[in-house]
């Protein structure tokens, strides 16, 4: 009976030692999961940065188009004014 209890005690002791070693091996799992989370977060930030850059490009191109349209309108108005002056009697010297 004493040998049986010693066997249980040593088996339990070995089991706890193995469990402690196993937990020691799993300690790095948290770091691994944390690293994977950081990589995923960085990937999402990069995707969002690209989307923001595309939106800024679109806004720039839109503003550029509006500015060019205004410049064209002003040039057309200047040309029309110049042509009206050339057709007037003031241009002919009357």
C-alpha atoms as a PDB file:
ATOM      1  CA  UNK A   1       0.000   0.000   0.000  1.00  0.00           C
ATOM      2  CA  UNK A   2       2.855   2.322   0.785  1.00  0.00           C
ATOM      3  CA  UNK A   3       4.383   1.657  -2.629  1.00  0.00           C
ATOM      4  CA  UNK A   4       1.040   2.450  -4.221  1.00  0.00           C
ATOM      5  CA  UNK A   5       0.849   5.823  -2.468  1.00  0.00           C
ATOM      6  CA  UNK A   6       4.475   6.566  -3.369  1.00  0.00           C
ATOM      7  CA  UNK A   7       3.637   5.746  -6.985  1.00  0.00           C
ATOM      8  CA  UNK A   8       0.660   8.108  -6.930  1.00  0.00           C
ATOM      9  CA  UNK A   9       2.759  10.827  -5.281  1.00  0.00           C
ATOM     10  CA  UNK A  10       5.614  10.503  -7.776  1.00  0.00           C
ATOM     11  CA  UNK A  11       3.166  10.292 -10.689  1.00  0.00           C
ATOM     12  CA  UNK A  12       1.427  13.432  -9.487  1.00  0.00           C
ATOM     13  CA  UNK A  13       4.757  15.163  -8.983  1.00  0.00           C
ATOM     14  CA  UNK A  14       5.913  14.163 -12.477  1.00  0.00           C
ATOM     15  CA  UNK A  15       2.601  15.298 -13.929  1.00  0.00           C
ATOM     16  CA  UNK A  16       2.886  18.726 -12.277  1.00  0.00           C
ATOM     17  CA  UNK A  17       6.500  19.049 -13.450  1.00  0.00           C
ATOM     18  CA  UNK A  18       5.451  18.197 -16.993  1.00  0.00           C
ATOM     19  CA  UNK A  19       2.562  20.657 -16.753  1.00  0.00           C
ATOM     20  CA  UNK A  20       4.920  23.363 -15.517  1.00  0.00           C
ATOM     21  CA  UNK A  21       7.323  22.640 -18.410  1.00  0.00           C
ATOM     22  CA  UNK A  22       4.416  22.658 -20.828  1.00  0.00           C
ATOM     23  CA  UNK A  23       3.219  26.024 -19.510  1.00  0.00           C
ATOM     24  CA  UNK A  24       6.770  27.304 -19.887  1.00  0.00           C
ATOM     25  CA  UNK A  25       6.642  26.317 -23.537  1.00  0.00           C
ATOM     26  CA  UNK A  26       3.308  28.085 -23.982  1.00  0.00           C
ATOM     27  CA  UNK A  27       4.587  31.344 -22.441  1.00  0.00           C
ATOM     28  CA  UNK A  28       5.838  32.454 -25.833  1.00  0.00           C
ATOM     29  CA  UNK A  29       2.437  31.855 -27.390  1.00  0.00           C
ATOM     30  CA  UNK A  30       1.171  35.180 -26.043  1.00  0.00           C
ATOM     31  CA  UNK A  31       4.081  36.973 -27.676  1.00  0.00           C
ATOM     32  CA  UNK A  32       3.395  35.158 -30.926  1.00  0.00           C
ATOM     33  CA  UNK A  33      -0.293  36.066 -30.865  1.00  0.00           C
ATOM     34  CA  UNK A  34       0.576  39.649 -29.931  1.00  0.00           C
ATOM     35  CA  UNK A  35       3.027  39.847 -32.831  1.00  0.00           C
ATOM     36  CA  UNK A  36       0.433  38.488 -35.235  1.00  0.00           C
ATOM     37  CA  UNK A  37      -2.050  41.078 -33.964  1.00  0.00           C
ATOM     38  CA  UNK A  38       0.498  43.848 -34.448  1.00  0.00           C
ATOM     39  CA  UNK A  39       1.162  42.675 -38.008  1.00  0.00           C
ATOM     40  CA  UNK A  40      -2.558  42.610 -38.796  1.00  0.00           C
ATOM     41  CA  UNK A  41      -2.985  46.077 -37.294  1.00  0.00           C
ATOM     42  CA  UNK A  42      -0.099  47.392 -39.391  1.00  0.00           C
ATOM     43  CA  UNK A  43      -1.650  45.819 -42.498  1.00  0.00           C
ATOM     44  CA  UNK A  44      -4.992  47.501 -41.771  1.00  0.00           C
ATOM     45  CA  UNK A  45      -3.273  50.845 -41.196  1.00  0.00           C
ATOM     46  CA  UNK A  46      -1.472  50.501 -44.523  1.00  0.00           C
ATOM     47  CA  UNK A  47      -4.752  49.712 -46.321  1.00  0.00           C
ATOM     48  CA  UNK A  48      -6.459  52.706 -44.708  1.00  0.00           C
ATOM     49  CA  UNK A  49      -3.525  54.945 -45.608  1.00  0.00           C
ATOM     50  CA  UNK A  50      -3.813  53.857 -49.249  1.00  0.00           C
ATOM     51  CA  UNK A  51      -7.551  54.601 -49.210  1.00  0.00           C
ATOM     52  CA  UNK A  52      -6.903  58.037 -47.721  1.00  0.00           C
ATOM     53  CA  UNK A  53      -4.246  58.710 -50.363  1.00  0.00           C
ATOM     54  CA  UNK A  54      -6.679  57.734 -53.126  1.00  0.00           C
ATOM     55  CA  UNK A  55      -9.321  60.059 -51.664  1.00  0.00           C
ATOM     56  CA  UNK A  56      -6.805  62.894 -51.502  1.00  0.00           C
ATOM     57  CA  UNK A  57      -5.800  62.265 -55.120  1.00  0.00           C
ATOM     58  CA  UNK A  58      -9.448  62.369 -56.175  1.00  0.00           C
ATOM     59  CA  UNK A  59     -10.022  65.612 -54.274  1.00  0.00           C
ATOM     60  CA  UNK A  60      -6.884  67.140 -55.814  1.00  0.00           C
ATOM     61  CA  UNK A  61      -7.920  66.138 -59.332  1.00  0.00           C
ATOM     62  CA  UNK A  62     -11.434  67.514 -58.775  1.00  0.00           C
ATOM     63  CA  UNK A  63     -10.094  70.842 -57.506  1.00  0.00           C
ATOM     64  CA  UNK A  64      -7.632  70.968 -60.405  1.00  0.00           C
ATOM     65  CA  UNK A  65     -10.490  70.394 -62.871  1.00  0.00           C
ATOM     66  CA  UNK A  66     -12.582  73.152 -61.246  1.00  0.00           C
ATOM     67  CA  UNK A  67      -9.650  75.560 -61.336  1.00  0.00           C
ATOM     68  CA  UNK A  68      -8.950  74.782 -64.996  1.00  0.00           C
ATOM     69  CA  UNK A  69     -12.645  75.285 -65.811  1.00  0.00           C
ATOM     70  CA  UNK A  70     -12.567  78.701 -64.106  1.00  0.00           C
ATOM     71  CA  UNK A  71      -9.379  79.671 -65.984  1.00  0.00           C
ATOM     72  CA  UNK A  72     -10.976  78.614 -69.278  1.00  0.00           C
ATOM     73  CA  UNK A  73     -14.105  80.634 -68.454  1.00  0.00           C
ATOM     74  CA  UNK A  74     -12.046  83.732 -67.672  1.00  0.00           C
ATOM     75  CA  UNK A  75     -10.019  83.331 -70.868  1.00  0.00           C
ATOM     76  CA  UNK A  76     -13.218  82.959 -72.898  1.00  0.00           C
ATOM     77  CA  UNK A  77     -14.663  86.069 -71.252  1.00  0.00           C
ATOM     78  CA  UNK A  78     -11.469  88.011 -72.017  1.00  0.00           C
ATOM     79  CA  UNK A  79     -11.516  86.813 -75.643  1.00  0.00           C
ATOM     80  CA  UNK A  80     -15.181  87.765 -75.994  1.00  0.00           C
ATOM     81  CA  UNK A  81     -14.487  91.202 -74.522  1.00  0.00           C
ATOM     82  CA  UNK A  82     -11.507  91.683 -76.832  1.00  0.00           C
ATOM     83  CA  UNK A  83     -13.552  90.588 -79.859  1.00  0.00           C
ATOM     84  CA  UNK A  84     -16.400  92.941 -78.884  1.00  0.00           C
ATOM     85  CA  UNK A  85     -13.909  95.793 -78.619  1.00  0.00           C
ATOM     86  CA  UNK A  86     -12.460  94.951 -82.058  1.00  0.00           C
ATOM     87  CA  UNK A  87     -15.968  95.009 -83.531  1.00  0.00           C
ATOM     88  CA  UNK A  88     -16.812  98.365 -81.923  1.00  0.00           C
ATOM     89  CA  UNK A  89     -16.390 101.808 -83.322  1.00  0.00           C
ATOM     90  CA  UNK A  90     -13.821 102.665 -80.642  1.00  0.00           C
ATOM     91  CA  UNK A  91     -11.412 100.178 -82.183  1.00  0.00           C
ATOM     92  CA  UNK A  92     -11.855 101.683 -85.627  1.00  0.00           C
ATOM     93  CA  UNK A  93     -11.026 105.107 -84.333  1.00  0.00           C
ATOM     94  CA  UNK A  94     -14.405 106.691 -84.722  1.00  0.00           C
END
